Amino acid sequence: MFQKKQLFNPAVLTAVIAGSMAVSVANAGLVTVDNCGIFTSWVVFQGGSMEVEDFSGYSGHYASALVGGSGAGEWIASAPGGLFAGSAGISTATVEGALTFAFSDPGVFAVGGNFFLTDTNQSVISGVIEIIADNVVYSYVTDGSDTSFLGFISTDGAIQSISIRPLTSGACATSSSLRIGFVPAPAVLAAVAMAGLLRRRHR
């Protein structure tokens, strides 16, 4: 089910700074966040809103590409061999392929979600996963949990796609939630300033 959330929290700046250890600057244009609360707070701090897809409205096999959401929140999921939606979320229908979500709205400056690995029965397994947001590659080891979160925040342009690929043989890329953050274009400057602040705090 796709839900649009209008968010406001007066303590967001404090939350972002306090949790800055969960944030890293991947390159000059993209920030990675491994904490969902910090990711959400950052979007709110910039005056943005967020839509959350939990894939509960999908079941069974789907051919690529699957179109979901609506309006500015539209996403297109694709994978070699198609997709499968079940109790764990949405997965690649075949092992070792990439699960890709594409976005066309120019206001998408933040994308995150719960990304993990499953076997062909959608049982969660441990392994190595690679996530590519536009041209930035991020790899990490999953511990067999479906709660691993990773978010990307752009500081210089809309995010057009995110791709999840297993680096473990026999695994399927899976997502149980997708968070799409919409940020007013002038607020991107605030993201740049925050990225600079976080860099200074890490030194």
Protein backbone atom coordinates (compact mmCIF):
# COMPACT_ATOMS: atom_id res chain seq x y z
CA MET A 1 0.00 0.00 0.00
CA PHE A 2 1.30 3.42 -0.97
CA GLN A 3 0.86 6.17 1.61
CA LYS A 4 1.85 9.81 1.44
CA LYS A 5 3.08 11.21 4.73
CA GLN A 6 3.25 14.92 5.46
CA LEU A 7 5.87 15.17 8.16
CA PHE A 8 6.77 17.75 10.75
CA ASN A 9 8.98 17.57 13.78
CA PRO A 10 10.39 20.71 15.45
CA ALA A 11 13.36 18.74 16.78
CA VAL A 12 14.53 17.44 13.42
CA LEU A 13 17.72 19.47 13.27
CA THR A 14 18.78 18.20 16.68
CA ALA A 15 17.94 14.65 15.65
CA VAL A 16 19.96 14.89 12.46
CA ILE A 17 23.04 16.30 14.18
CA ALA A 18 22.80 13.91 17.14
CA GLY A 19 22.64 10.97 14.78
CA SER A 20 25.31 12.17 12.41
CA MET A 21 27.45 9.08 12.96
CA ALA A 22 24.86 7.19 10.88
CA VAL A 23 25.42 9.54 7.98
CA SER A 24 28.29 9.62 5.50
CA VAL A 25 29.05 11.71 2.45
CA ALA A 26 29.41 9.23 -0.41
CA ASN A 27 30.58 11.86 -2.86
CA ALA A 28 30.01 15.53 -3.60
CA GLY A 29 26.42 14.90 -4.65
CA LEU A 30 25.06 12.03 -2.54
CA VAL A 31 24.77 11.31 1.18
CA THR A 32 24.11 7.82 2.56
CA VAL A 33 22.11 7.27 5.75
CA ASP A 34 21.72 3.93 7.53
CA ASN A 35 19.13 5.12 10.06
CA CYS A 36 15.50 5.53 8.98
CA GLY A 37 14.72 8.16 11.62
CA ILE A 38 17.62 10.36 10.55
CA PHE A 39 16.74 9.90 6.90
CA THR A 40 13.15 10.98 7.55
CA SER A 41 14.22 13.91 9.73
CA TRP A 42 16.54 15.22 7.04
CA VAL A 43 13.73 15.28 4.48
CA VAL A 44 11.45 17.07 6.95
CA PHE A 45 14.16 19.59 7.86
CA GLN A 46 14.30 20.62 4.21
CA GLY A 47 10.55 21.20 4.08
CA GLY A 48 9.90 18.00 2.17
CA SER A 49 7.37 15.19 2.35
CA MET A 50 7.69 11.46 2.04
CA GLU A 51 5.74 8.61 0.49
CA VAL A 52 6.12 5.08 1.80
CA GLU A 53 5.44 1.90 -0.16
CA ASP A 54 5.21 -1.34 1.82
CA PHE A 55 4.21 -3.54 -1.16
CA SER A 56 1.30 -5.02 0.81
CA GLY A 57 -0.99 -4.47 -2.17
CA TYR A 58 1.03 -6.82 -4.39
CA SER A 59 1.05 -10.62 -4.51
CA GLY A 60 2.44 -13.20 -6.90
CA HIS A 61 4.55 -12.94 -10.03
CA TYR A 62 4.87 -9.81 -12.16
CA ALA A 63 6.63 -9.18 -15.41
CA SER A 64 9.11 -6.31 -15.67
CA ALA A 65 8.37 -3.50 -15.47
CA LEU A 66 5.88 -3.13 -12.62
CA VAL A 67 4.48 0.38 -12.20
CA GLY A 68 3.40 1.41 -8.70
CA GLY A 69 2.46 4.52 -6.80
CA SER A 70 0.80 7.44 -8.53
CA GLY A 71 1.56 10.96 -9.68
CA ALA A 72 4.84 12.28 -8.35
CA GLY A 73 5.23 9.14 -6.25
CA GLU A 74 5.24 6.77 -9.21
CA TRP A 75 7.95 4.13 -9.25
CA ILE A 76 8.80 1.45 -11.80
CA ALA A 77 10.28 -1.84 -10.54
CA SER A 78 12.17 -4.12 -12.88
CA ALA A 79 14.37 -7.20 -12.72
CA PRO A 80 15.73 -9.78 -15.16
CA GLY A 81 13.23 -12.62 -15.21
CA GLY A 82 10.50 -10.57 -13.55
CA LEU A 83 9.40 -9.90 -9.98
CA PHE A 84 7.73 -11.76 -7.14
CA ALA A 85 5.74 -10.19 -4.29
CA GLY A 86 5.10 -12.20 -1.14
CA SER A 87 5.33 -12.11 2.64
CA ALA A 88 8.87 -10.68 2.63
CA GLY A 89 8.10 -7.86 0.20
CA ILE A 90 9.02 -7.58 -3.46
CA SER A 91 11.92 -9.61 -4.86
CA THR A 92 13.58 -10.60 -8.07
CA ALA A 93 11.88 -13.71 -9.42
CA THR A 94 15.26 -15.25 -10.22
CA VAL A 95 18.44 -15.42 -8.16
CA GLU A 96 21.40 -13.04 -8.45
CA GLY A 97 19.62 -10.45 -10.57
CA ALA A 98 19.28 -6.76 -9.77
CA LEU A 99 16.05 -5.26 -8.43
CA THR A 100 15.76 -1.73 -9.81
CA PHE A 101 13.37 1.08 -8.92
CA ALA A 102 13.20 4.03 -11.31
CA PHE A 103 11.67 7.47 -10.63
CA SER A 104 10.66 10.12 -13.12
CA ASP A 105 9.57 13.00 -10.91
CA PRO A 106 12.18 15.82 -10.73
CA GLY A 107 11.39 16.37 -7.04
CA VAL A 108 12.75 13.02 -5.84
CA PHE A 109 15.86 13.98 -3.87
CA ALA A 110 15.80 11.17 -1.28
CA VAL A 111 15.25 7.42 -1.67
CA GLY A 112 15.62 4.76 0.99
CA GLY A 113 14.14 1.55 2.27
CA ASN A 114 14.61 -1.85 3.83
CA PHE A 115 16.81 -3.83 1.45
CA PHE A 116 17.99 -7.38 2.15
CA LEU A 117 18.48 -10.86 0.67
CA THR A 118 16.12 -13.82 0.47
CA ASP A 119 16.22 -17.30 -1.00
CA THR A 120 13.77 -18.49 -3.65
CA ASN A 121 11.16 -19.18 -0.93
CA GLN A 122 11.46 -15.58 0.34
CA SER A 123 13.17 -16.68 3.54
CA VAL A 124 15.58 -13.96 4.67
CA ILE A 125 19.24 -14.95 4.45
CA SER A 126 22.58 -13.33 5.22
CA GLY A 127 25.07 -12.28 2.58
CA VAL A 128 26.55 -9.34 0.73
CA ILE A 129 24.35 -6.79 -1.00
CA GLU A 130 25.23 -3.97 -3.37
CA ILE A 131 23.07 -0.90 -3.82
CA ILE A 132 23.58 1.59 -6.62
CA ALA A 133 21.87 4.98 -6.47
CA ASP A 134 22.40 6.63 -9.83
CA ASN A 135 26.21 6.23 -10.15
CA VAL A 136 27.11 5.73 -6.47
CA VAL A 137 27.82 2.16 -5.32
CA TYR A 138 27.36 1.08 -1.69
CA SER A 139 28.02 -2.49 -0.51
CA TYR A 140 27.43 -4.06 2.90
CA VAL A 141 26.92 -7.40 4.67
CA THR A 142 23.37 -8.29 5.72
CA ASP A 143 22.96 -10.33 8.91
CA GLY A 144 19.89 -12.33 7.96
CA SER A 145 17.50 -9.61 9.11
CA ASP A 146 14.82 -7.85 7.06
CA THR A 147 15.22 -4.58 8.99
CA SER A 148 18.41 -3.29 7.33
CA PHE A 149 17.79 0.29 6.18
CA LEU A 150 19.76 2.40 3.74
CA GLY A 151 18.84 5.79 2.34
CA PHE A 152 20.37 8.13 -0.22
CA ILE A 153 19.95 11.91 -0.19
CA SER A 154 21.02 13.94 -3.20
CA THR A 155 22.52 17.40 -2.79
CA ASP A 156 22.72 18.36 -6.46
CA GLY A 157 19.90 16.79 -8.47
CA ALA A 158 16.98 14.38 -8.53
CA ILE A 159 17.60 10.67 -7.96
CA GLN A 160 16.49 8.73 -11.02
CA SER A 161 17.00 5.14 -9.94
CA ILE A 162 18.16 2.79 -7.22
CA SER A 163 19.28 -0.78 -7.86
CA ILE A 164 19.72 -3.62 -5.34
CA ARG A 165 21.94 -6.54 -6.36
CA PRO A 166 23.01 -9.61 -4.36
CA LEU A 167 26.71 -10.42 -4.27
CA THR A 168 25.92 -13.80 -2.70
CA SER A 169 25.19 -16.77 -4.95
CA GLY A 170 21.65 -18.14 -4.86
CA ALA A 171 20.20 -14.97 -3.33
CA CYS A 172 17.37 -12.70 -4.45
CA ALA A 173 17.37 -8.94 -3.92
CA THR A 174 14.35 -7.99 -1.81
CA SER A 175 12.72 -4.85 -0.44
CA SER A 176 9.97 -4.68 2.18
CA SER A 177 9.61 -0.90 2.04
CA LEU A 178 10.51 1.97 -0.24
CA ARG A 179 10.67 5.57 1.01
CA ILE A 180 10.58 8.36 -1.55
CA GLY A 181 11.38 11.86 -0.31
CA PHE A 182 10.22 14.96 -2.17
CA VAL A 183 12.20 18.10 -1.48
CA PRO A 184 11.53 21.61 -2.84
CA ALA A 185 14.40 22.47 -5.19
CA PRO A 186 15.70 25.49 -3.18
CA ALA A 187 16.01 23.23 -0.13
CA VAL A 188 18.79 21.31 -1.84
CA LEU A 189 21.06 24.11 -0.67
CA ALA A 190 20.18 23.15 2.90
CA ALA A 191 21.31 19.61 2.15
CA VAL A 192 24.64 20.91 0.91
CA ALA A 193 25.10 22.92 4.09
CA MET A 194 24.20 19.93 6.25
CA ALA A 195 26.62 17.68 4.36
CA GLY A 196 29.38 20.19 5.11
CA LEU A 197 28.41 20.23 8.78
CA LEU A 198 28.56 16.46 9.00
CA ARG A 199 31.96 16.37 7.33
CA ARG A 200 33.29 18.83 9.92
CA ARG A 201 31.86 16.76 12.80
CA HIS A 202 33.54 13.60 11.52
CA ARG A 203 37.01 15.17 11.51
